Amino acid sequence: MDEFPCTQCGLCCKQVGKVLQANFQDSFTTFLLSKFPYKAKEDGSCEMLKDNLCTVYEDRPLICNISLLAKAQGRDITEYYTESAQYCNELITNAGLDHKYFVYLE
């Protein structure tokens, strides 16, 4: 699998404010977040999120690119995708979104 099968629910982008304020044990994640170029809007969503889509998707920061982030961390891509899909599906469930947004790995 080359790309993570994002279903464009927008939940990760809607929580940028929380993520930017969180304390991470992982120094790499902390570093990447310190370089995050965008601000969170008043509702906590990324300022680059419009109509549930990222307006800078093709040039998004590394922290927003699951495939490149896995490679940068030297992680097994299948394992990283599995962890990310579980996290996505948890967010979707907790937000009460339709299950059509669930991430399924082939």
PDB file of N, CA and C in Angstrom:
ATOM      1  N   MET A   1       0.861  -1.178   0.000  1.00  0.00           N
ATOM      2  CA  MET A   1       0.000   0.000   0.000  1.00  0.00           C
ATOM      3  C   MET A   1       0.901   1.233   0.000  1.00  0.00           C
ATOM      4  N   ASP A   2       0.731   2.067  -1.017  1.00  0.00           N
ATOM      5  CA  ASP A   2       1.595   3.233  -1.167  1.00  0.00           C
ATOM      6  C   ASP A   2       1.138   4.424  -0.344  1.00  0.00           C
ATOM      7  N   GLU A   3      -0.150   4.662  -0.319  1.00  0.00           N
ATOM      8  CA  GLU A   3      -0.687   5.828   0.383  1.00  0.00           C
ATOM      9  C   GLU A   3      -1.667   5.406   1.470  1.00  0.00           C
ATOM     10  N   PHE A   4      -1.714   6.167   2.527  1.00  0.00           N
ATOM     11  CA  PHE A   4      -2.683   5.924   3.582  1.00  0.00           C
ATOM     12  C   PHE A   4      -4.075   6.243   3.030  1.00  0.00           C
ATOM     13  N   PRO A   5      -5.042   5.351   3.230  1.00  0.00           N
ATOM     14  CA  PRO A   5      -6.375   5.558   2.651  1.00  0.00           C
ATOM     15  C   PRO A   5      -7.254   6.516   3.466  1.00  0.00           C
ATOM     16  N   CYS A   6      -6.831   7.764   3.522  1.00  0.00           N
ATOM     17  CA  CYS A   6      -7.576   8.792   4.243  1.00  0.00           C
ATOM     18  C   CYS A   6      -8.987   8.931   3.664  1.00  0.00           C
ATOM     19  N   THR A   7      -9.971   9.041   4.532  1.00  0.00           N
ATOM     20  CA  THR A   7     -11.363   9.170   4.087  1.00  0.00           C
ATOM     21  C   THR A   7     -11.858  10.610   4.150  1.00  0.00           C
ATOM     22  N   GLN A   8     -10.970  11.531   4.447  1.00  0.00           N
ATOM     23  CA  GLN A   8     -11.252  12.968   4.465  1.00  0.00           C
ATOM     24  C   GLN A   8     -12.366  13.356   5.430  1.00  0.00           C
ATOM     25  N   CYS A   9     -12.339  12.749   6.614  1.00  0.00           N
ATOM     26  CA  CYS A   9     -13.318  13.138   7.631  1.00  0.00           C
ATOM     27  C   CYS A   9     -12.969  14.503   8.212  1.00  0.00           C
ATOM     28  N   GLY A  10     -11.685  14.883   8.137  1.00  0.00           N
ATOM     29  CA  GLY A  10     -11.242  16.189   8.619  1.00  0.00           C
ATOM     30  C   GLY A  10     -10.964  16.267  10.106  1.00  0.00           C
ATOM     31  N   LEU A  11     -11.154  15.177  10.841  1.00  0.00           N
ATOM     32  CA  LEU A  11     -11.026  15.245  12.297  1.00  0.00           C
ATOM     33  C   LEU A  11      -9.616  15.578  12.774  1.00  0.00           C
ATOM     34  N   CYS A  12      -8.596  15.053  12.123  1.00  0.00           N
ATOM     35  CA  CYS A  12      -7.241  15.382  12.573  1.00  0.00           C
ATOM     36  C   CYS A  12      -6.971  16.874  12.379  1.00  0.00           C
ATOM     37  N   CYS A  13      -7.469  17.431  11.282  1.00  0.00           N
ATOM     38  CA  CYS A  13      -7.278  18.854  10.998  1.00  0.00           C
ATOM     39  C   CYS A  13      -8.130  19.741  11.908  1.00  0.00           C
ATOM     40  N   LYS A  14      -9.199  19.178  12.420  1.00  0.00           N
ATOM     41  CA  LYS A  14     -10.079  19.934  13.317  1.00  0.00           C
ATOM     42  C   LYS A  14      -9.552  19.976  14.747  1.00  0.00           C
ATOM     43  N   GLN A  15      -8.468  19.225  15.018  1.00  0.00           N
ATOM     44  CA  GLN A  15      -7.927  19.162  16.369  1.00  0.00           C
ATOM     45  C   GLN A  15      -6.515  19.733  16.476  1.00  0.00           C
ATOM     46  N   VAL A  16      -6.130  20.513  15.508  1.00  0.00           N
ATOM     47  CA  VAL A  16      -4.785  21.076  15.497  1.00  0.00           C
ATOM     48  C   VAL A  16      -4.507  21.874  16.773  1.00  0.00           C
ATOM     49  N   GLY A  17      -5.471  22.621  17.238  1.00  0.00           N
ATOM     50  CA  GLY A  17      -5.277  23.413  18.455  1.00  0.00           C
ATOM     51  C   GLY A  17      -4.904  22.547  19.646  1.00  0.00           C
ATOM     52  N   LYS A  18      -5.581  21.420  19.819  1.00  0.00           N
ATOM     53  CA  LYS A  18      -5.270  20.497  20.917  1.00  0.00           C
ATOM     54  C   LYS A  18      -3.881  19.890  20.742  1.00  0.00           C
ATOM     55  N   VAL A  19      -3.570  19.499  19.533  1.00  0.00           N
ATOM     56  CA  VAL A  19      -2.281  18.856  19.268  1.00  0.00           C
ATOM     57  C   VAL A  19      -1.135  19.831  19.505  1.00  0.00           C
ATOM     58  N   LEU A  20      -1.287  21.056  19.065  1.00  0.00           N
ATOM     59  CA  LEU A  20      -0.220  22.043  19.239  1.00  0.00           C
ATOM     60  C   LEU A  20       0.028  22.378  20.706  1.00  0.00           C
ATOM     61  N   GLN A  21      -0.967  22.181  21.547  1.00  0.00           N
ATOM     62  CA  GLN A  21      -0.823  22.471  22.975  1.00  0.00           C
ATOM     63  C   GLN A  21      -0.407  21.249  23.793  1.00  0.00           C
ATOM     64  N   ALA A  22      -0.436  20.081  23.180  1.00  0.00           N
ATOM     65  CA  ALA A  22      -0.129  18.843  23.904  1.00  0.00           C
ATOM     66  C   ALA A  22       1.365  18.724  24.169  1.00  0.00           C
ATOM     67  N   ASN A  23       1.691  17.988  25.206  1.00  0.00           N
ATOM     68  CA  ASN A  23       3.088  17.680  25.527  1.00  0.00           C
ATOM     69  C   ASN A  23       3.372  16.249  25.093  1.00  0.00           C
ATOM     70  N   PHE A  24       4.323  16.091  24.202  1.00  0.00           N
ATOM     71  CA  PHE A  24       4.685  14.776  23.696  1.00  0.00           C
ATOM     72  C   PHE A  24       6.010  14.336  24.293  1.00  0.00           C
ATOM     73  N   GLN A  25       6.120  13.058  24.583  1.00  0.00           N
ATOM     74  CA  GLN A  25       7.371  12.486  25.083  1.00  0.00           C
ATOM     75  C   GLN A  25       8.386  12.346  23.953  1.00  0.00           C
ATOM     76  N   ASP A  26       7.883  12.189  22.760  1.00  0.00           N
ATOM     77  CA  ASP A  26       8.709  11.971  21.584  1.00  0.00           C
ATOM     78  C   ASP A  26       9.305  13.303  21.117  1.00  0.00           C
ATOM     79  N   SER A  27      10.620  13.419  21.147  1.00  0.00           N
ATOM     80  CA  SER A  27      11.267  14.682  20.782  1.00  0.00           C
ATOM     81  C   SER A  27      11.114  15.002  19.293  1.00  0.00           C
ATOM     82  N   PHE A  28      11.024  13.981  18.450  1.00  0.00           N
ATOM     83  CA  PHE A  28      10.848  14.215  17.016  1.00  0.00           C
ATOM     84  C   PHE A  28       9.493  14.871  16.748  1.00  0.00           C
ATOM     85  N   THR A  29       8.444  14.343  17.367  1.00  0.00           N
ATOM     86  CA  THR A  29       7.110  14.924  17.215  1.00  0.00           C
ATOM     87  C   THR A  29       7.083  16.346  17.762  1.00  0.00           C
ATOM     88  N   THR A  30       7.688  16.540  18.900  1.00  0.00           N
ATOM     89  CA  THR A  30       7.752  17.876  19.505  1.00  0.00           C
ATOM     90  C   THR A  30       8.450  18.853  18.561  1.00  0.00           C
ATOM     91  N   PHE A  31       9.543  18.408  17.959  1.00  0.00           N
ATOM     92  CA  PHE A  31      10.270  19.251  17.014  1.00  0.00           C
ATOM     93  C   PHE A  31       9.392  19.604  15.812  1.00  0.00           C
ATOM     94  N   LEU A  32       8.742  18.588  15.222  1.00  0.00           N
ATOM     95  CA  LEU A  32       7.896  18.843  14.049  1.00  0.00           C
ATOM     96  C   LEU A  32       6.755  19.807  14.371  1.00  0.00           C
ATOM     97  N   LEU A  33       6.162  19.646  15.534  1.00  0.00           N
ATOM     98  CA  LEU A  33       5.071  20.544  15.914  1.00  0.00           C
ATOM     99  C   LEU A  33       5.574  21.968  16.138  1.00  0.00           C
ATOM    100  N   SER A  34       6.800  22.105  16.598  1.00  0.00           N
ATOM    101  CA  SER A  34       7.360  23.448  16.797  1.00  0.00           C
ATOM    102  C   SER A  34       7.562  24.162  15.469  1.00  0.00           C
ATOM    103  N   LYS A  35       7.654  23.397  14.388  1.00  0.00           N
ATOM    104  CA  LYS A  35       7.843  23.962  13.049  1.00  0.00           C
ATOM    105  C   LYS A  35       6.530  24.042  12.260  1.00  0.00           C
ATOM    106  N   PHE A  36       5.421  23.679  12.889  1.00  0.00           N
ATOM    107  CA  PHE A  36       4.138  23.699  12.187  1.00  0.00           C
ATOM    108  C   PHE A  36       3.839  25.130  11.763  1.00  0.00           C
ATOM    109  N   PRO A  37       3.642  25.361  10.454  1.00  0.00           N
ATOM    110  CA  PRO A  37       3.569  26.733   9.951  1.00  0.00           C
ATOM    111  C   PRO A  37       2.209  27.419  10.047  1.00  0.00           C
ATOM    112  N   TYR A  38       1.185  26.712  10.491  1.00  0.00           N
ATOM    113  CA  TYR A  38      -0.148  27.285  10.476  1.00  0.00           C
ATOM    114  C   TYR A  38      -0.692  27.456  11.885  1.00  0.00           C
ATOM    115  N   LYS A  39      -1.726  28.250  11.988  1.00  0.00           N
ATOM    116  CA  LYS A  39      -2.350  28.515  13.281  1.00  0.00           C
ATOM    117  C   LYS A  39      -3.658  27.751  13.389  1.00  0.00           C
ATOM    118  N   ALA A  40      -4.080  27.563  14.618  1.00  0.00           N
ATOM    119  CA  ALA A  40      -5.399  26.976  14.860  1.00  0.00           C
ATOM    120  C   ALA A  40      -6.403  28.118  14.931  1.00  0.00           C
ATOM    121  N   LYS A  41      -7.545  27.895  14.312  1.00  0.00           N
ATOM    122  CA  LYS A  41      -8.629  28.873  14.389  1.00  0.00           C
ATOM    123  C   LYS A  41      -9.260  28.788  15.774  1.00  0.00           C
ATOM    124  N   GLU A  42     -10.164  29.673  16.061  1.00  0.00           N
ATOM    125  CA  GLU A  42     -10.818  29.732  17.362  1.00  0.00           C
ATOM    126  C   GLU A  42     -11.465  28.403  17.757  1.00  0.00           C
ATOM    127  N   ASP A  43     -11.982  27.670  16.776  1.00  0.00           N
ATOM    128  CA  ASP A  43     -12.626  26.382  17.066  1.00  0.00           C
ATOM    129  C   ASP A  43     -11.620  25.234  17.203  1.00  0.00           C
ATOM    130  N   GLY A  44     -10.323  25.523  17.062  1.00  0.00           N
ATOM    131  CA  GLY A  44      -9.283  24.509  17.201  1.00  0.00           C
ATOM    132  C   GLY A  44      -8.856  23.862  15.903  1.00  0.00           C
ATOM    133  N   SER A  45      -9.545  24.168  14.815  1.00  0.00           N
ATOM    134  CA  SER A  45      -9.196  23.563  13.530  1.00  0.00           C
ATOM    135  C   SER A  45      -8.048  24.324  12.868  1.00  0.00           C
ATOM    136  N   CYS A  46      -7.374  23.650  11.971  1.00  0.00           N
ATOM    137  CA  CYS A  46      -6.271  24.259  11.237  1.00  0.00           C
ATOM    138  C   CYS A  46      -6.805  25.349  10.313  1.00  0.00           C
ATOM    139  N   GLU A  47      -6.084  26.434  10.246  1.00  0.00           N
ATOM    140  CA  GLU A  47      -6.509  27.539   9.388  1.00  0.00           C
ATOM    141  C   GLU A  47      -6.516  27.163   7.903  1.00  0.00           C
ATOM    142  N   MET A  48      -5.868  26.073   7.552  1.00  0.00           N
ATOM    143  CA  MET A  48      -5.814  25.650   6.154  1.00  0.00           C
ATOM    144  C   MET A  48      -6.926  24.678   5.785  1.00  0.00           C
ATOM    145  N   LEU A  49      -7.813  24.368   6.723  1.00  0.00           N
ATOM    146  CA  LEU A  49      -8.935  23.469   6.465  1.00  0.00           C
ATOM    147  C   LEU A  49     -10.129  24.283   5.978  1.00  0.00           C
ATOM    148  N   LYS A  50     -10.568  23.975   4.778  1.00  0.00           N
ATOM    149  CA  LYS A  50     -11.728  24.658   4.179  1.00  0.00           C
ATOM    150  C   LYS A  50     -12.664  23.601   3.600  1.00  0.00           C
ATOM    151  N   ASP A  51     -13.923  23.652   3.976  1.00  0.00           N
ATOM    152  CA  ASP A  51     -14.909  22.686   3.489  1.00  0.00           C
ATOM    153  C   ASP A  51     -14.431  21.248   3.684  1.00  0.00           C
ATOM    154  N   ASN A  52     -13.822  21.001   4.832  1.00  0.00           N
ATOM    155  CA  ASN A  52     -13.350  19.671   5.231  1.00  0.00           C
ATOM    156  C   ASN A  52     -12.171  19.161   4.404  1.00  0.00           C
ATOM    157  N   LEU A  53     -11.529  20.033   3.659  1.00  0.00           N
ATOM    158  CA  LEU A  53     -10.370  19.655   2.856  1.00  0.00           C
ATOM    159  C   LEU A  53      -9.195  20.569   3.160  1.00  0.00           C
ATOM    160  N   CYS A  54      -8.006  20.014   3.088  1.00  0.00           N
ATOM    161  CA  CYS A  54      -6.786  20.775   3.303  1.00  0.00           C
ATOM    162  C   CYS A  54      -6.466  21.570   2.038  1.00  0.00           C
ATOM    163  N   THR A  55      -6.310  22.868   2.193  1.00  0.00           N
ATOM    164  CA  THR A  55      -6.028  23.719   1.037  1.00  0.00           C
ATOM    165  C   THR A  55      -4.559  23.671   0.619  1.00  0.00           C
ATOM    166  N   VAL A  56      -3.707  23.051   1.436  1.00  0.00           N
ATOM    167  CA  VAL A  56      -2.282  22.923   1.108  1.00  0.00           C
ATOM    168  C   VAL A  56      -1.875  21.453   1.078  1.00  0.00           C
ATOM    169  N   TYR A  57      -2.822  20.580   0.768  1.00  0.00           N
ATOM    170  CA  TYR A  57      -2.604  19.137   0.859  1.00  0.00           C
ATOM    171  C   TYR A  57      -1.344  18.673   0.124  1.00  0.00           C
ATOM    172  N   GLU A  58      -1.137  19.132  -1.084  1.00  0.00           N
ATOM    173  CA  GLU A  58       0.020  18.689  -1.870  1.00  0.00           C
ATOM    174  C   GLU A  58       1.344  19.187  -1.291  1.00  0.00           C
ATOM    175  N   ASP A  59       1.291  20.211  -0.461  1.00  0.00           N
ATOM    176  CA  ASP A  59       2.502  20.777   0.141  1.00  0.00           C
ATOM    177  C   ASP A  59       2.351  20.857   1.660  1.00  0.00           C
ATOM    178  N   ARG A  60       1.639  19.900   2.249  1.00  0.00           N
ATOM    179  CA  ARG A  60       1.367  19.921   3.682  1.00  0.00           C
ATOM    180  C   ARG A  60       2.627  19.611   4.480  1.00  0.00           C
ATOM    181  N   PRO A  61       2.673  20.061   5.728  1.00  0.00           N
ATOM    182  CA  PRO A  61       3.833  19.798   6.580  1.00  0.00           C
ATOM    183  C   PRO A  61       4.024  18.295   6.812  1.00  0.00           C
ATOM    184  N   LEU A  62       5.236  17.906   7.119  1.00  0.00           N
ATOM    185  CA  LEU A  62       5.571  16.501   7.351  1.00  0.00           C
ATOM    186  C   LEU A  62       4.670  15.873   8.406  1.00  0.00           C
ATOM    187  N   ILE A  63       4.369  16.588   9.468  1.00  0.00           N
ATOM    188  CA  ILE A  63       3.545  16.051  10.552  1.00  0.00           C
ATOM    189  C   ILE A  63       2.145  15.670  10.060  1.00  0.00           C
ATOM    190  N   CYS A  64       1.727  16.218   8.938  1.00  0.00           N
ATOM    191  CA  CYS A  64       0.406  15.953   8.372  1.00  0.00           C
ATOM    192  C   CYS A  64       0.426  14.878   7.286  1.00  0.00           C
ATOM    193  N   ASN A  65       1.585  14.345   6.993  1.00  0.00           N
ATOM    194  CA  ASN A  65       1.722  13.367   5.920  1.00  0.00           C
ATOM    195  C   ASN A  65       2.095  12.014   6.526  1.00  0.00           C
ATOM    196  N   ILE A  66       1.115  11.151   6.697  1.00  0.00           N
ATOM    197  CA  ILE A  66       1.322   9.876   7.381  1.00  0.00           C
ATOM    198  C   ILE A  66       2.400   9.044   6.700  1.00  0.00           C
ATOM    199  N   SER A  67       2.394   8.992   5.386  1.00  0.00           N
ATOM    200  CA  SER A  67       3.372   8.177   4.663  1.00  0.00           C
ATOM    201  C   SER A  67       4.797   8.675   4.880  1.00  0.00           C
ATOM    202  N   LEU A  68       5.008   9.964   4.691  1.00  0.00           N
ATOM    203  CA  LEU A  68       6.353  10.522   4.869  1.00  0.00           C
ATOM    204  C   LEU A  68       6.790  10.510   6.326  1.00  0.00           C
ATOM    205  N   LEU A  69       5.855  10.707   7.229  1.00  0.00           N
ATOM    206  CA  LEU A  69       6.183  10.697   8.658  1.00  0.00           C
ATOM    207  C   LEU A  69       6.672   9.312   9.079  1.00  0.00           C
ATOM    208  N   ALA A  70       6.026   8.276   8.599  1.00  0.00           N
ATOM    209  CA  ALA A  70       6.464   6.905   8.908  1.00  0.00           C
ATOM    210  C   ALA A  70       7.888   6.679   8.406  1.00  0.00           C
ATOM    211  N   LYS A  71       8.154   7.112   7.187  1.00  0.00           N
ATOM    212  CA  LYS A  71       9.491   6.952   6.610  1.00  0.00           C
ATOM    213  C   LYS A  71      10.530   7.752   7.388  1.00  0.00           C
ATOM    214  N   ALA A  72      10.188   8.971   7.758  1.00  0.00           N
ATOM    215  CA  ALA A  72      11.114   9.826   8.497  1.00  0.00           C
ATOM    216  C   ALA A  72      11.465   9.239   9.865  1.00  0.00           C
ATOM    217  N   GLN A  73      10.534   8.499  10.436  1.00  0.00           N
ATOM    218  CA  GLN A  73      10.761   7.882  11.737  1.00  0.00           C
ATOM    219  C   GLN A  73      11.347   6.477  11.615  1.00  0.00           C
ATOM    220  N   GLY A  74      11.524   6.019  10.384  1.00  0.00           N
ATOM    221  CA  GLY A  74      12.065   4.686  10.171  1.00  0.00           C
ATOM    222  C   GLY A  74      11.103   3.583  10.589  1.00  0.00           C
ATOM    223  N   ARG A  75       9.818   3.876  10.554  1.00  0.00           N
ATOM    224  CA  ARG A  75       8.795   2.915  10.978  1.00  0.00           C
ATOM    225  C   ARG A  75       8.366   2.028   9.828  1.00  0.00           C
ATOM    226  N   ASP A  76       7.967   0.818  10.149  1.00  0.00           N
ATOM    227  CA  ASP A  76       7.377  -0.076   9.173  1.00  0.00           C
ATOM    228  C   ASP A  76       6.062   0.547   8.719  1.00  0.00           C
ATOM    229  N   ILE A  77       5.906   0.721   7.416  1.00  0.00           N
ATOM    230  CA  ILE A  77       4.756   1.450   6.883  1.00  0.00           C
ATOM    231  C   ILE A  77       3.438   0.745   7.191  1.00  0.00           C
ATOM    232  N   THR A  78       3.411  -0.573   7.098  1.00  0.00           N
ATOM    233  CA  THR A  78       2.178  -1.312   7.373  1.00  0.00           C
ATOM    234  C   THR A  78       1.781  -1.172   8.836  1.00  0.00           C
ATOM    235  N   GLU A  79       2.747  -1.279   9.717  1.00  0.00           N
ATOM    236  CA  GLU A  79       2.485  -1.121  11.152  1.00  0.00           C
ATOM    237  C   GLU A  79       2.001   0.305  11.461  1.00  0.00           C
ATOM    238  N   TYR A  80       2.659   1.289  10.859  1.00  0.00           N
ATOM    239  CA  TYR A  80       2.294   2.685  11.107  1.00  0.00           C
ATOM    240  C   TYR A  80       0.898   3.000  10.570  1.00  0.00           C
ATOM    241  N   TYR A  81       0.584   2.482   9.383  1.00  0.00           N
ATOM    242  CA  TYR A  81      -0.750   2.667   8.819  1.00  0.00           C
ATOM    243  C   TYR A  81      -1.810   2.015   9.713  1.00  0.00           C
ATOM    244  N   THR A  82      -1.503   0.842  10.241  1.00  0.00           N
ATOM    245  CA  THR A  82      -2.446   0.148  11.114  1.00  0.00           C
ATOM    246  C   THR A  82      -2.711   0.973  12.374  1.00  0.00           C
ATOM    247  N   GLU A  83      -1.655   1.482  12.994  1.00  0.00           N
ATOM    248  CA  GLU A  83      -1.811   2.330  14.185  1.00  0.00           C
ATOM    249  C   GLU A  83      -2.594   3.595  13.852  1.00  0.00           C
ATOM    250  N   SER A  84      -2.280   4.208  12.729  1.00  0.00           N
ATOM    251  CA  SER A  84      -2.960   5.441  12.332  1.00  0.00           C
ATOM    252  C   SER A  84      -4.432   5.186  12.035  1.00  0.00           C
ATOM    253  N   ALA A  85      -4.732   4.076  11.368  1.00  0.00           N
ATOM    254  CA  ALA A  85      -6.127   3.733  11.061  1.00  0.00           C
ATOM    255  C   ALA A  85      -6.917   3.517  12.351  1.00  0.00           C
ATOM    256  N   GLN A  86      -6.304   2.851  13.330  1.00  0.00           N
ATOM    257  CA  GLN A  86      -6.975   2.641  14.607  1.00  0.00           C
ATOM    258  C   GLN A  86      -7.263   3.980  15.290  1.00  0.00           C
ATOM    259  N   TYR A  87      -6.293   4.882  15.254  1.00  0.00           N
ATOM    260  CA  TYR A  87      -6.470   6.201  15.848  1.00  0.00           C
ATOM    261  C   TYR A  87      -7.574   6.978  15.110  1.00  0.00           C
ATOM    262  N   CYS A  88      -7.536   6.943  13.790  1.00  0.00           N
ATOM    263  CA  CYS A  88      -8.559   7.626  13.002  1.00  0.00           C
ATOM    264  C   CYS A  88      -9.948   7.091  13.347  1.00  0.00           C
ATOM    265  N   ASN A  89     -10.085   5.785  13.365  1.00  0.00           N
ATOM    266  CA  ASN A  89     -11.388   5.180  13.629  1.00  0.00           C
ATOM    267  C   ASN A  89     -11.878   5.479  15.036  1.00  0.00           C
ATOM    268  N   GLU A  90     -10.964   5.611  15.980  1.00  0.00           N
ATOM    269  CA  GLU A  90     -11.340   6.017  17.340  1.00  0.00           C
ATOM    270  C   GLU A  90     -11.864   7.453  17.343  1.00  0.00           C
ATOM    271  N   LEU A  91     -11.178   8.340  16.632  1.00  0.00           N
ATOM    272  CA  LEU A  91     -11.640   9.725  16.519  1.00  0.00           C
ATOM    273  C   LEU A  91     -13.024   9.789  15.880  1.00  0.00           C
ATOM    274  N   ILE A  92     -13.217   9.004  14.836  1.00  0.00           N
ATOM    275  CA  ILE A  92     -14.488   8.985  14.107  1.00  0.00           C
ATOM    276  C   ILE A  92     -15.612   8.494  15.017  1.00  0.00           C
ATOM    277  N   THR A  93     -15.341   7.435  15.758  1.00  0.00           N
ATOM    278  CA  THR A  93     -16.335   6.890  16.689  1.00  0.00           C
ATOM    279  C   THR A  93     -16.664   7.911  17.778  1.00  0.00           C
ATOM    280  N   ASN A  94     -15.637   8.487  18.372  1.00  0.00           N
ATOM    281  CA  ASN A  94     -15.848   9.458  19.463  1.00  0.00           C
ATOM    282  C   ASN A  94     -16.577  10.714  19.002  1.00  0.00           C
ATOM    283  N   ALA A  95     -16.394  11.074  17.734  1.00  0.00           N
ATOM    284  CA  ALA A  95     -17.059  12.262  17.193  1.00  0.00           C
ATOM    285  C   ALA A  95     -18.475  11.951  16.709  1.00  0.00           C
ATOM    286  N   GLY A  96     -18.820  10.666  16.690  1.00  0.00           N
ATOM    287  CA  GLY A  96     -20.152  10.276  16.242  1.00  0.00           C
ATOM    288  C   GLY A  96     -20.358  10.415  14.739  1.00  0.00           C
ATOM    289  N   LEU A  97     -19.260  10.369  13.987  1.00  0.00           N
ATOM    290  CA  LEU A  97     -19.383  10.475  12.533  1.00  0.00           C
ATOM    291  C   LEU A  97     -19.882   9.160  11.939  1.00  0.00           C
ATOM    292  N   ASP A  98     -20.447   9.265  10.768  1.00  0.00           N
ATOM    293  CA  ASP A  98     -20.914   8.105  10.024  1.00  0.00           C
ATOM    294  C   ASP A  98     -19.748   7.144   9.794  1.00  0.00           C
ATOM    295  N   HIS A  99     -20.013   5.858   9.863  1.00  0.00           N
ATOM    296  CA  HIS A  99     -18.964   4.858   9.676  1.00  0.00           C
ATOM    297  C   HIS A  99     -18.420   4.819   8.263  1.00  0.00           C
ATOM    298  N   LYS A 100     -19.017   5.565   7.352  1.00  0.00           N
ATOM    299  CA  LYS A 100     -18.477   5.648   6.004  1.00  0.00           C
ATOM    300  C   LYS A 100     -17.086   6.276   6.014  1.00  0.00           C
ATOM    301  N   TYR A 101     -16.777   6.979   7.105  1.00  0.00           N
ATOM    302  CA  TYR A 101     -15.452   7.613   7.233  1.00  0.00           C
ATOM    303  C   TYR A 101     -14.409   6.684   7.836  1.00  0.00           C
ATOM    304  N   PHE A 102     -14.792   5.495   8.269  1.00  0.00           N
ATOM    305  CA  PHE A 102     -13.812   4.564   8.836  1.00  0.00           C
ATOM    306  C   PHE A 102     -12.704   4.286   7.816  1.00  0.00           C
ATOM    307  N   VAL A 103     -11.511   4.128   8.334  1.00  0.00           N
ATOM    308  CA  VAL A 103     -10.360   3.809   7.514  1.00  0.00           C
ATOM    309  C   VAL A 103     -10.168   2.291   7.539  1.00  0.00           C
ATOM    310  N   TYR A 104     -10.170   1.700   6.370  1.00  0.00           N
ATOM    311  CA  TYR A 104      -9.938   0.264   6.230  1.00  0.00           C
ATOM    312  C   TYR A 104      -8.669   0.034   5.421  1.00  0.00           C
ATOM    313  N   LEU A 105      -7.840  -0.820   5.915  1.00  0.00           N
ATOM    314  CA  LEU A 105      -6.617  -1.163   5.199  1.00  0.00           C
ATOM    315  C   LEU A 105      -6.850  -2.444   4.417  1.00  0.00           C
ATOM    316  N   GLU A 106      -6.366  -2.480   3.211  1.00  0.00           N
ATOM    317  CA  GLU A 106      -6.554  -3.672   2.370  1.00  0.00           C
ATOM    318  C   GLU A 106      -5.543  -4.726   2.696  1.00  0.00           C
TER     319      GLU A 106
END
